[in-house]
C-alpha atoms as a PDB file:
ATOM      1  CA  MET A   1       5.280 -17.874  -6.813  1.00  0.00           C
ATOM      2  CA  ASP A   2       4.755 -18.480  -3.108  1.00  0.00           C
ATOM      3  CA  TYR A   3       1.701 -17.312  -1.150  1.00  0.00           C
ATOM      4  CA  ARG A   4       3.528 -14.376   0.461  1.00  0.00           C
ATOM      5  CA  ARG A   5       4.722 -13.048  -2.900  1.00  0.00           C
ATOM      6  CA  GLU A   6       1.269 -13.577  -4.473  1.00  0.00           C
ATOM      7  CA  GLN A   7      -0.341 -11.579  -1.692  1.00  0.00           C
ATOM      8  CA  GLN A   8       2.269  -8.809  -1.957  1.00  0.00           C
ATOM      9  CA  GLN A   9       1.707  -8.649  -5.713  1.00  0.00           C
ATOM     10  CA  LYS A  10      -2.067  -8.480  -5.304  1.00  0.00           C
ATOM     11  CA  MET A  11      -1.815  -5.686  -2.735  1.00  0.00           C
ATOM     12  CA  PHE A  12       0.756  -3.802  -4.807  1.00  0.00           C
ATOM     13  CA  ASP A  13      -1.399  -3.951  -7.953  1.00  0.00           C
ATOM     14  CA  MET A  14      -4.463  -2.719  -6.040  1.00  0.00           C
ATOM     15  CA  VAL A  15      -2.537   0.170  -4.480  1.00  0.00           C
ATOM     16  CA  VAL A  16      -0.965   1.154  -7.821  1.00  0.00           C
ATOM     17  CA  ARG A  17      -4.366   1.211  -9.512  1.00  0.00           C
ATOM     18  CA  HIS A  18      -5.887   3.211  -6.657  1.00  0.00           C
ATOM     19  CA  LEU A  19      -3.144   5.815  -6.162  1.00  0.00           C
ATOM     20  CA  LEU A  20      -2.553   6.495  -9.846  1.00  0.00           C
ATOM     21  CA  GLU A  21      -6.299   6.881 -10.429  1.00  0.00           C
ATOM     22  CA  GLN A  22      -6.862   9.067  -7.346  1.00  0.00           C
ATOM     23  CA  ARG A  23      -3.767  11.226  -8.024  1.00  0.00           C
ATOM     24  CA  ALA A  24      -4.073  13.002  -4.674  1.00  0.00           C
ATOM     25  CA  LYS A  25      -3.108  12.339  -1.082  1.00  0.00           C
ATOM     26  CA  ALA A  26      -5.711  11.336   1.463  1.00  0.00           C
ATOM     27  CA  ALA A  27      -5.360  14.049   4.089  1.00  0.00           C
ATOM     28  CA  ASP A  28      -7.445  15.928   6.615  1.00  0.00           C
ATOM     29  CA  GLU A  29      -7.944  19.700   6.737  1.00  0.00           C
ATOM     30  CA  LEU A  30      -4.588  20.082   8.526  1.00  0.00           C
ATOM     31  CA  GLY A  31      -2.746  18.151   5.829  1.00  0.00           C
ATOM     32  CA  GLN A  32      -2.245  15.052   7.986  1.00  0.00           C
ATOM     33  CA  CYS A  33      -2.363  11.814   6.018  1.00  0.00           C
ATOM     34  CA  ARG A  34      -5.368   9.634   6.756  1.00  0.00           C
ATOM     35  CA  TYR A  35      -6.409   6.099   5.879  1.00  0.00           C
ATOM     36  CA  ARG A  36      -9.771   7.641   4.979  1.00  0.00           C
ATOM     37  CA  ALA A  37      -9.888  11.398   4.424  1.00  0.00           C
ATOM     38  CA  PRO A  38     -13.055  13.438   5.039  1.00  0.00           C
ATOM     39  CA  ASP A  39     -13.419  13.943   1.252  1.00  0.00           C
ATOM     40  CA  GLY A  40     -13.460  10.164   0.670  1.00  0.00           C
ATOM     41  CA  ARG A  41      -9.867   9.795  -0.522  1.00  0.00           C
ATOM     42  CA  ARG A  42      -7.908   6.810   0.739  1.00  0.00           C
ATOM     43  CA  CYS A  43      -4.214   6.303   1.290  1.00  0.00           C
ATOM     44  CA  ALA A  44      -2.215   3.325   0.006  1.00  0.00           C
ATOM     45  CA  ILE A  45      -3.130   1.020   2.899  1.00  0.00           C
ATOM     46  CA  GLY A  46      -6.610   2.531   3.306  1.00  0.00           C
ATOM     47  CA  SER A  47      -7.396   1.547  -0.277  1.00  0.00           C
ATOM     48  CA  LEU A  48      -7.095  -2.119   0.747  1.00  0.00           C
ATOM     49  CA  VAL A  49      -9.700  -1.825   3.497  1.00  0.00           C
ATOM     50  CA  THR A  50     -13.398  -2.282   2.792  1.00  0.00           C
ATOM     51  CA  ASP A  51     -16.100  -0.204   4.454  1.00  0.00           C
ATOM     52  CA  ALA A  52     -17.202  -3.321   6.351  1.00  0.00           C
ATOM     53  CA  VAL A  53     -13.911  -3.608   8.265  1.00  0.00           C
ATOM     54  CA  TYR A  54     -12.627  -0.003   8.352  1.00  0.00           C
ATOM     55  CA  SER A  55     -12.189   1.420  11.836  1.00  0.00           C
ATOM     56  CA  PRO A  56     -11.610   5.083  12.745  1.00  0.00           C
ATOM     57  CA  LEU A  57      -9.201   3.720  15.379  1.00  0.00           C
ATOM     58  CA  MET A  58      -6.733   3.175  12.503  1.00  0.00           C
ATOM     59  CA  GLU A  59      -6.296   6.905  12.031  1.00  0.00           C
ATOM     60  CA  GLY A  60      -3.081   8.390  13.391  1.00  0.00           C
ATOM     61  CA  ARG A  61      -1.429   4.980  13.670  1.00  0.00           C
ATOM     62  CA  GLY A  62       1.353   3.561  11.541  1.00  0.00           C
ATOM     63  CA  ALA A  63       0.749   0.816   8.990  1.00  0.00           C
ATOM     64  CA  GLY A  64       2.405  -1.746  11.286  1.00  0.00           C
ATOM     65  CA  HIS A  65       0.278  -0.901  14.345  1.00  0.00           C
ATOM     66  CA  GLN A  66      -1.723  -3.820  15.743  1.00  0.00           C
ATOM     67  CA  ILE A  67      -5.063  -2.105  15.057  1.00  0.00           C
ATOM     68  CA  VAL A  68      -4.173  -1.512  11.397  1.00  0.00           C
ATOM     69  CA  VAL A  69      -2.791  -5.031  11.053  1.00  0.00           C
ATOM     70  CA  GLY A  70      -5.977  -6.412  12.638  1.00  0.00           C
ATOM     71  CA  VAL A  71      -8.184  -4.486  10.207  1.00  0.00           C
ATOM     72  CA  LEU A  72      -6.123  -5.695   7.231  1.00  0.00           C
ATOM     73  CA  GLU A  73      -6.364  -9.267   8.462  1.00  0.00           C
ATOM     74  CA  ALA A  74     -10.137  -8.825   8.898  1.00  0.00           C
ATOM     75  CA  ALA A  75     -10.162  -7.704   5.247  1.00  0.00           C
ATOM     76  CA  GLY A  76      -8.594 -11.036   4.305  1.00  0.00           C
ATOM     77  CA  TYR A  77      -4.892 -10.222   4.123  1.00  0.00           C
ATOM     78  CA  VAL A  78      -2.244 -12.165   6.014  1.00  0.00           C
ATOM     79  CA  VAL A  79       0.228  -9.683   7.488  1.00  0.00           C
ATOM     80  CA  LEU A  80       2.117 -11.549  10.205  1.00  0.00           C
ATOM     81  CA  GLY A  81       3.806 -14.933  10.239  1.00  0.00           C
ATOM     82  CA  PRO A  82       5.818 -16.793   7.617  1.00  0.00           C
ATOM     83  CA  THR A  83       3.187 -16.378   4.871  1.00  0.00           C
ATOM     84  CA  GLY A  84       2.288 -12.774   5.740  1.00  0.00           C
ATOM     85  CA  VAL A  85       3.247  -9.759   3.636  1.00  0.00           C
ATOM     86  CA  GLY A  86       5.156  -8.302   6.595  1.00  0.00           C
ATOM     87  CA  GLU A  87       4.857  -5.034   8.467  1.00  0.00           C
ATOM     88  CA  GLY A  88       7.860  -3.598   6.612  1.00  0.00           C
ATOM     89  CA  PHE A  89       6.068  -4.128   3.300  1.00  0.00           C
ATOM     90  CA  LEU A  90       3.072  -2.156   4.600  1.00  0.00           C
ATOM     91  CA  ARG A  91       5.206   0.632   6.059  1.00  0.00           C
ATOM     92  CA  ASP A  92       7.231   0.988   2.846  1.00  0.00           C
ATOM     93  CA  LEU A  93       4.076   1.131   0.738  1.00  0.00           C
ATOM     94  CA  GLN A  94       2.480   3.673   3.071  1.00  0.00           C
ATOM     95  CA  HIS A  95       5.671   5.754   3.008  1.00  0.00           C
ATOM     96  CA  ILE A  96       5.154   6.380  -0.717  1.00  0.00           C
ATOM     97  CA  HIS A  97       1.701   7.887  -0.137  1.00  0.00           C
ATOM     98  CA  ASP A  98       2.659   9.858   2.945  1.00  0.00           C
ATOM     99  CA  ASN A  99       6.124  11.136   2.034  1.00  0.00           C
ATOM    100  CA  GLU A 100       6.487  11.300  -1.747  1.00  0.00           C
ATOM    101  CA  SER A 101       4.938  13.948  -3.969  1.00  0.00           C
ATOM    102  CA  VAL A 102       2.073  12.710  -6.125  1.00  0.00           C
ATOM    103  CA  GLU A 103       4.256  13.362  -9.189  1.00  0.00           C
ATOM    104  CA  ARG A 104       6.838  10.875  -7.871  1.00  0.00           C
ATOM    105  CA  TRP A 105       4.394   8.092  -6.981  1.00  0.00           C
ATOM    106  CA  ALA A 106       4.857   6.109 -10.200  1.00  0.00           C
ATOM    107  CA  SER A 107       8.670   6.106  -9.987  1.00  0.00           C
ATOM    108  CA  SER A 108       8.580   5.381  -6.239  1.00  0.00           C
ATOM    109  CA  LEU A 109       6.167   2.497  -6.816  1.00  0.00           C
ATOM    110  CA  ARG A 110       8.506   1.145  -9.509  1.00  0.00           C
ATOM    111  CA  ASN A 111      11.408   1.289  -7.031  1.00  0.00           C
ATOM    112  CA  PHE A 112       9.212  -0.427  -4.441  1.00  0.00           C
ATOM    113  CA  ALA A 113       8.422  -3.191  -6.956  1.00  0.00           C
ATOM    114  CA  ASP A 114      12.138  -3.665  -7.604  1.00  0.00           C
ATOM    115  CA  LEU A 115      12.889  -3.794  -3.881  1.00  0.00           C
ATOM    116  CA  TYR A 116      10.246  -6.477  -3.258  1.00  0.00           C
ATOM    117  CA  HIS A 117      10.837  -8.314  -6.572  1.00  0.00           C
ATOM    118  CA  LEU A 118       7.304  -7.620  -7.791  1.00  0.00           C
ATOM    119  CA  ASP A 119       5.941  -7.329 -11.309  1.00  0.00           C
ATOM    120  CA  ALA A 120       5.584  -3.629 -12.155  1.00  0.00           C
ATOM    121  CA  THR A 121       3.527  -4.022 -15.335  1.00  0.00           C
ATOM    122  CA  SER A 122       0.570  -2.375 -13.595  1.00  0.00           C
ATOM    123  CA  LEU A 123       2.552   0.890 -13.702  1.00  0.00           C
ATOM    124  CA  PRO A 124       2.565   3.208 -16.711  1.00  0.00           C
ATOM    125  CA  GLY A 125       5.728   3.419 -18.763  1.00  0.00           C
ATOM    126  CA  PRO A 126       8.322   0.768 -19.523  1.00  0.00           C
ATOM    127  CA  SER A 127       7.000  -2.606 -18.392  1.00  0.00           C
ATOM    128  CA  SER A 128       9.058  -4.834 -16.230  1.00  0.00           C
ATOM    129  CA  GLY A 129       8.510  -8.216 -14.702  1.00  0.00           C
ATOM    130  CA  PRO A 130       9.693  -9.304 -11.278  1.00  0.00           C
ATOM    131  CA  SER A 131      13.233  -8.211 -10.568  1.00  0.00           C
ATOM    132  CA  THR A 132      15.821 -10.950 -10.194  1.00  0.00           C
ATOM    133  CA  GLU A 133      18.521  -8.722  -8.710  1.00  0.00           C
ATOM    134  CA  LEU A 134      19.487  -9.201  -5.103  1.00  0.00           C
ATOM    135  CA  VAL A 135      18.642  -6.315  -2.822  1.00  0.00           C
END
């Protein structure tokens, strides 16, 4: 497995564990999704960010925004360049938190794993390894 795929798998597994344990969206009092909600909940991408590198400037910006990318890179993830996970990967992962119902998260995460050829064994239900189908 190459570095990019290893990093994507690591991030995916962390997000799966976080979202399926939290079982609620991270949102403010107006229902707007947040990286860090006032009640302490975190979104998919927010769950990857430690307190030491979190910045309120992330809020209201898309997962591919330079501030968000900078915070993720400060947290130790490579986002840009040939070994980076890619902005599309981040946006697609964030889309699940922001746009899917909590009840659909597990199936949406399984579809995400298939799309990115990731191992989905961290998800409940039928286990599956990395997909070998072309997308």
